[in-house]
Amino acid sequence: MILISPWEPREIVELIAQRGMTHKLPERYGADFVIVTKHGKVAIQRKTVVDLIRSLEDGRLAREIPMLKRADHPILVLEGWPDCTSDGHLMIQGASRYTKRQLRNVLRSIHYDGIAVERTTSMEDTVDAIFEIESWFSKTVHRSLRVRPKTAAKSDWGTTDDRDWGVFLLQGLPGVGVTLAEAIWDHFGGLPLTWKCTIDELRKVPGIGRTRARTLWNLLG
């Protein structure tokens, strides 16, 4: 559920209304949106570059950051990015004394203070990002950074044989790239590894059926 601050512009409220509702809870976290998930509350503060600079100058940002950090997962979404002069100054009325470097350093300070920083290009893109964040936090586990792509095991002909899988498996070992993996396979005529269990014991692992157990067993048999 996405809870939207009553003070957000009507345009963004209408864009999120299909999956959210206005609520006062975001104000408790100095946020514009709060997403209630199984992993806790995600507090999102949305700012344009102009609003970020103004909130830095009038002290709002200093008050909002501690409030955001009360949430389990605080996020600042920066909407848009300014054009700059040749010497790096922002081409924003009333903020031209600030440089691109200073703006990036503000974002770094926010990040290292424990608040995730995401950038979007427009209000519509911000809405997409909020939906993506809601979807991401709805997952029980996140493994995408730990999984090697299966396409790496395919041959140049788009097929996969035992050698391809063996080379792919060997690349999971420290310091073993594709060339060394191929050399190991060719030298030993297969993987120089073997199971320490029986095929029936292997089948007791949840998710391993008869066919998969036989395939894995043949690979390391």
Protein backbone atom coordinates (compact mmCIF):
# COMPACT_ATOMS: atom_id res chain seq x y z
CA MET A 1 0.00 0.00 0.00
CA ILE A 2 1.31 3.44 -0.99
CA LEU A 3 0.32 6.25 1.38
CA ILE A 4 0.51 9.72 -0.15
CA SER A 5 0.92 12.97 1.77
CA PRO A 6 -2.17 15.19 1.42
CA TRP A 7 0.17 18.04 0.45
CA GLU A 8 1.42 16.39 -2.72
CA PRO A 9 0.33 17.97 -6.06
CA ARG A 10 -2.98 16.71 -7.40
CA GLU A 11 -1.29 15.49 -10.59
CA ILE A 12 0.92 12.99 -8.79
CA VAL A 13 -1.87 11.93 -6.44
CA GLU A 14 -4.02 11.06 -9.46
CA LEU A 15 -1.18 9.08 -11.04
CA ILE A 16 -0.69 6.98 -7.90
CA ALA A 17 -4.34 6.75 -6.82
CA GLN A 18 -4.76 3.36 -8.52
CA ARG A 19 -2.33 1.83 -6.01
CA GLY A 20 -2.44 4.21 -3.10
CA MET A 21 -4.38 6.67 -0.98
CA THR A 22 -3.78 9.98 0.75
CA HIS A 23 -2.81 9.67 4.41
CA LYS A 24 -1.13 11.74 7.12
CA LEU A 25 1.41 9.02 7.98
CA PRO A 26 4.09 10.26 5.51
CA GLU A 27 4.23 13.58 7.42
CA ARG A 28 5.45 11.73 10.51
CA TYR A 29 8.50 10.64 8.54
CA GLY A 30 9.13 13.94 6.76
CA ALA A 31 8.18 12.11 3.59
CA ASP A 32 5.85 12.53 0.64
CA PHE A 33 5.10 8.81 0.39
CA VAL A 34 5.22 5.83 2.72
CA ILE A 35 5.05 2.29 1.37
CA VAL A 36 4.02 -0.30 3.94
CA THR A 37 5.79 -3.59 3.11
CA LYS A 38 6.61 -6.91 4.75
CA HIS A 39 10.12 -5.54 5.21
CA GLY A 40 8.94 -2.45 7.09
CA LYS A 41 8.04 1.10 6.13
CA VAL A 42 9.69 2.73 3.11
CA ALA A 43 9.66 6.53 3.41
CA ILE A 44 10.18 8.47 0.18
CA GLN A 45 10.89 12.20 -0.03
CA ARG A 46 10.42 13.61 -3.53
CA LYS A 47 12.29 16.78 -4.48
CA THR A 48 13.02 18.68 -7.63
CA VAL A 49 16.46 20.27 -7.85
CA VAL A 50 14.98 23.68 -7.04
CA ASP A 51 13.15 22.34 -4.00
CA LEU A 52 16.28 20.52 -2.82
CA ILE A 53 18.29 23.74 -2.90
CA ARG A 54 15.55 25.79 -1.25
CA SER A 55 15.07 23.19 1.48
CA LEU A 56 18.83 23.20 2.05
CA GLU A 57 18.82 26.98 2.45
CA ASP A 58 15.73 27.32 4.66
CA GLY A 59 16.63 24.39 6.93
CA ARG A 60 13.80 22.05 5.88
CA LEU A 61 16.24 19.42 4.66
CA ALA A 62 18.04 19.37 8.01
CA ARG A 63 14.69 18.73 9.73
CA GLU A 64 13.46 16.18 7.19
CA ILE A 65 16.51 13.91 7.17
CA PRO A 66 16.26 12.79 10.83
CA MET A 67 12.53 12.20 10.33
CA LEU A 68 13.14 10.14 7.18
CA LYS A 69 15.64 8.00 9.06
CA ARG A 70 12.91 6.91 11.46
CA ALA A 71 11.59 4.70 8.68
CA ASP A 72 13.05 1.27 8.02
CA HIS A 73 14.07 2.27 4.50
CA PRO A 74 14.45 6.04 3.82
CA ILE A 75 14.78 7.19 0.21
CA LEU A 76 15.24 10.59 -1.43
CA VAL A 77 14.07 10.80 -5.04
CA LEU A 78 15.59 13.71 -6.96
CA GLU A 79 13.39 14.63 -9.88
CA GLY A 80 15.16 16.16 -12.85
CA TRP A 81 18.68 17.44 -13.38
CA PRO A 82 19.67 21.03 -14.20
CA ASP A 83 21.50 22.39 -17.19
CA CYS A 84 24.83 23.97 -16.29
CA THR A 85 27.07 26.71 -17.62
CA SER A 86 30.48 25.90 -19.07
CA ASP A 87 32.06 26.52 -15.66
CA GLY A 88 29.62 24.17 -13.91
CA HIS A 89 27.15 26.61 -12.35
CA LEU A 90 23.49 25.60 -12.27
CA MET A 91 21.29 27.36 -14.80
CA ILE A 92 18.45 27.82 -12.31
CA GLN A 93 17.02 31.20 -11.42
CA GLY A 94 18.03 32.11 -7.89
CA ALA A 95 20.44 29.19 -7.58
CA SER A 96 23.12 30.02 -10.14
CA ARG A 97 25.70 30.45 -7.37
CA TYR A 98 25.57 26.67 -6.85
CA THR A 99 27.67 24.35 -8.98
CA LYS A 100 27.06 20.84 -10.28
CA ARG A 101 29.83 19.64 -7.99
CA GLN A 102 28.13 21.15 -4.94
CA LEU A 103 24.83 19.57 -5.89
CA ARG A 104 26.42 16.15 -6.26
CA ASN A 105 28.18 16.59 -2.92
CA VAL A 106 24.84 17.34 -1.24
CA LEU A 107 23.48 14.09 -2.65
CA ARG A 108 26.57 12.24 -1.44
CA SER A 109 26.13 13.70 2.04
CA ILE A 110 22.51 12.53 2.09
CA HIS A 111 23.57 9.07 0.92
CA TYR A 112 26.31 8.71 3.53
CA ASP A 113 23.89 9.86 6.20
CA GLY A 114 21.97 6.65 5.60
CA ILE A 115 19.37 7.71 3.03
CA ALA A 116 19.27 6.06 -0.39
CA VAL A 117 19.25 8.53 -3.29
CA GLU A 118 17.51 7.83 -6.60
CA ARG A 119 17.19 10.11 -9.61
CA THR A 120 14.25 10.40 -12.00
CA THR A 121 13.64 12.53 -15.07
CA SER A 122 10.07 13.74 -14.51
CA MET A 123 6.99 13.44 -12.33
CA GLU A 124 5.78 10.52 -14.42
CA ASP A 125 9.17 8.84 -14.07
CA THR A 126 9.00 9.39 -10.30
CA VAL A 127 5.64 7.61 -10.20
CA ASP A 128 7.17 4.70 -12.15
CA ALA A 129 10.06 4.60 -9.67
CA ILE A 130 7.66 4.53 -6.71
CA PHE A 131 5.78 1.60 -8.25
CA GLU A 132 9.11 -0.15 -8.90
CA ILE A 133 10.18 0.40 -5.27
CA GLU A 134 6.87 -1.00 -4.04
CA SER A 135 7.30 -4.06 -6.26
CA TRP A 136 10.94 -4.56 -5.26
CA PHE A 137 10.15 -4.48 -1.54
CA SER A 138 7.26 -6.90 -2.03
CA LYS A 139 9.74 -9.67 -2.89
CA THR A 140 10.79 -12.02 -0.12
CA VAL A 141 14.39 -12.31 -1.33
CA HIS A 142 16.57 -10.51 -3.86
CA ARG A 143 19.05 -12.73 -5.67
CA SER A 144 19.65 -11.01 -9.00
CA LEU A 145 23.18 -9.91 -8.07
CA ARG A 146 24.10 -13.43 -6.96
CA VAL A 147 22.94 -15.34 -10.03
CA ARG A 148 25.17 -15.92 -13.05
CA PRO A 149 23.25 -15.59 -16.33
CA LYS A 150 22.31 -18.94 -17.79
CA THR A 151 23.19 -17.73 -21.28
CA ALA A 152 26.86 -17.97 -20.29
CA ALA A 153 26.56 -21.75 -20.52
CA LYS A 154 25.47 -21.78 -24.18
CA SER A 155 27.85 -22.65 -26.98
CA ASP A 156 28.45 -20.53 -30.08
CA TRP A 157 25.71 -22.61 -31.74
CA GLY A 158 23.13 -21.68 -29.09
CA THR A 159 23.06 -25.17 -27.61
CA THR A 160 24.31 -26.53 -24.29
CA ASP A 161 26.24 -29.74 -23.73
CA ASP A 162 28.08 -31.16 -20.70
CA ARG A 163 31.29 -29.31 -21.58
CA ASP A 164 29.45 -25.98 -21.73
CA TRP A 165 27.86 -26.58 -18.33
CA GLY A 166 31.16 -27.77 -16.89
CA VAL A 167 33.02 -24.70 -18.11
CA PHE A 168 30.21 -22.53 -16.75
CA LEU A 169 30.38 -24.26 -13.37
CA LEU A 170 34.17 -23.98 -13.13
CA GLN A 171 33.96 -20.22 -13.64
CA GLY A 172 32.27 -20.02 -10.25
CA LEU A 173 35.60 -20.92 -8.63
CA PRO A 174 37.87 -18.05 -7.49
CA GLY A 175 40.32 -16.95 -10.18
CA VAL A 176 38.89 -19.20 -12.88
CA GLY A 177 37.90 -17.47 -16.11
CA VAL A 178 36.52 -19.03 -19.26
CA THR A 179 39.94 -19.89 -20.77
CA LEU A 180 41.21 -21.62 -17.65
CA ALA A 181 37.87 -23.39 -17.15
CA GLU A 182 38.08 -24.81 -20.68
CA ALA A 183 41.68 -25.90 -20.07
CA ILE A 184 40.71 -27.72 -16.85
CA TRP A 185 37.81 -29.50 -18.57
CA ASP A 186 39.91 -30.55 -21.57
CA HIS A 187 42.84 -31.71 -19.43
CA PHE A 188 40.73 -33.96 -17.19
CA GLY A 189 38.11 -34.84 -19.79
CA GLY A 190 35.44 -33.48 -17.47
CA LEU A 191 35.10 -31.90 -14.08
CA PRO A 192 37.73 -33.07 -11.57
CA LEU A 193 35.01 -33.08 -8.93
CA THR A 194 32.61 -35.66 -7.57
CA TRP A 195 29.55 -35.88 -5.34
CA LYS A 196 30.01 -36.97 -1.72
CA CYS A 197 26.43 -38.16 -1.60
CA THR A 198 24.43 -40.80 -3.41
CA ILE A 199 21.96 -39.89 -6.17
CA ASP A 200 19.10 -40.84 -3.85
CA GLU A 201 20.41 -38.43 -1.20
CA LEU A 202 20.66 -35.75 -3.86
CA ARG A 203 16.98 -36.24 -4.72
CA LYS A 204 16.02 -35.40 -1.12
CA VAL A 205 17.00 -31.76 -1.71
CA PRO A 206 13.80 -29.70 -2.17
CA GLY A 207 13.42 -28.83 -5.85
CA ILE A 208 15.51 -31.70 -7.22
CA GLY A 209 13.48 -34.35 -8.99
CA ARG A 210 14.52 -37.56 -10.76
CA THR A 211 15.54 -35.93 -14.05
CA ARG A 212 17.46 -33.04 -12.52
CA ALA A 213 19.21 -35.35 -10.06
CA ARG A 214 20.35 -37.59 -12.92
CA THR A 215 21.62 -34.56 -14.92
CA LEU A 216 23.58 -33.19 -11.99
CA TRP A 217 24.91 -36.62 -11.10
CA ASN A 218 26.15 -37.25 -14.62
CA LEU A 219 27.89 -33.88 -14.65
CA LEU A 220 29.89 -34.65 -11.49
CA GLY A 221 29.75 -38.45 -11.65
